[in-house]
Amino acid sequence: MVEPPDAVAIRHVAERLMKAHPQMDTGLVQSSVQTAYEELRYARVRTYLPVLTERRAKDLLPPDEQTERHN
């Protein structure tokens, strides 16, 4: 469960990832963000929590097939 001060930032992370990966299931993106947040939620320094959560959530998502084909 996301704590209220972090809720808006985490919602924005999920929205950015859904825009970046429109072909992915919304539920998968949201669960990746939630898992990433759960791993980092007890961090002492909160400033970088959204950035770190987004990076970790990207790692949890399966590879983007379209991106893989163009590289």
Protein backbone atom coordinates (compact mmCIF):
# COMPACT_ATOMS: atom_id res chain seq x y z
CA MET A 1 0.00 0.00 0.00
CA VAL A 2 1.34 3.41 -0.98
CA GLU A 3 1.56 5.96 1.82
CA PRO A 4 -0.29 9.25 1.15
CA PRO A 5 2.76 11.54 0.66
CA ASP A 6 4.14 9.15 -1.94
CA ALA A 7 0.84 8.34 -3.65
CA VAL A 8 0.88 11.19 -6.18
CA ALA A 9 4.51 10.66 -7.14
CA ILE A 10 4.02 6.92 -7.56
CA ARG A 11 0.87 7.47 -9.64
CA HIS A 12 2.90 9.75 -11.93
CA VAL A 13 5.56 7.05 -12.27
CA ALA A 14 2.90 4.56 -13.38
CA GLU A 15 1.43 7.08 -15.84
CA ARG A 16 4.85 7.79 -17.38
CA LEU A 17 5.58 4.10 -17.80
CA MET A 18 2.17 3.44 -19.35
CA LYS A 19 2.79 6.25 -21.87
CA ALA A 20 6.28 4.93 -22.61
CA HIS A 21 4.98 1.36 -23.04
CA PRO A 22 1.42 1.66 -24.42
CA GLN A 23 1.44 -1.92 -25.70
CA MET A 24 1.89 -3.35 -22.20
CA ASP A 25 -0.96 -4.38 -19.98
CA THR A 26 -1.89 -1.58 -17.58
CA GLY A 27 -2.15 -4.01 -14.68
CA LEU A 28 1.36 -5.31 -15.34
CA VAL A 29 2.79 -1.79 -15.34
CA GLN A 30 0.94 -0.88 -12.15
CA SER A 31 2.01 -4.06 -10.35
CA SER A 32 5.64 -3.44 -11.39
CA VAL A 33 5.46 0.08 -9.97
CA GLN A 34 3.82 -1.20 -6.78
CA THR A 35 6.48 -3.90 -6.34
CA ALA A 36 9.26 -1.38 -6.95
CA TYR A 37 7.72 1.01 -4.42
CA GLU A 38 7.37 -1.76 -1.82
CA GLU A 39 11.08 -2.53 -2.20
CA LEU A 40 12.06 1.10 -1.67
CA ARG A 41 9.39 2.49 0.64
CA TYR A 42 11.55 2.40 3.77
CA ALA A 43 14.37 4.42 2.24
CA ARG A 44 15.59 7.16 4.54
CA VAL A 45 16.13 9.70 1.79
CA ARG A 46 12.77 10.26 0.10
CA THR A 47 13.93 12.80 -2.49
CA TYR A 48 14.82 10.22 -5.13
CA LEU A 49 12.09 7.71 -4.38
CA PRO A 50 10.10 8.41 -7.60
CA VAL A 51 13.19 8.14 -9.83
CA LEU A 52 14.41 4.97 -8.16
CA THR A 53 10.94 3.46 -8.23
CA GLU A 54 10.63 4.17 -11.96
CA ARG A 55 14.02 2.62 -12.71
CA ARG A 56 13.24 -0.49 -10.67
CA ALA A 57 9.78 -0.84 -12.22
CA LYS A 58 11.36 -0.68 -15.71
CA ASP A 59 13.68 -3.51 -14.69
CA LEU A 60 10.68 -5.57 -13.57
CA LEU A 61 8.80 -5.11 -16.85
CA PRO A 62 9.38 -7.61 -19.66
CA PRO A 63 11.52 -6.33 -22.55
CA ASP A 64 9.72 -4.14 -25.06
CA GLU A 65 9.59 -6.20 -28.25
CA GLN A 66 9.28 -3.17 -30.55
CA THR A 67 12.31 -1.49 -28.96
CA GLU A 68 14.29 -4.73 -29.23
CA ARG A 69 13.56 -4.99 -32.98
CA HIS A 70 14.66 -1.42 -33.72
CA ASN A 71 18.00 -1.68 -31.89
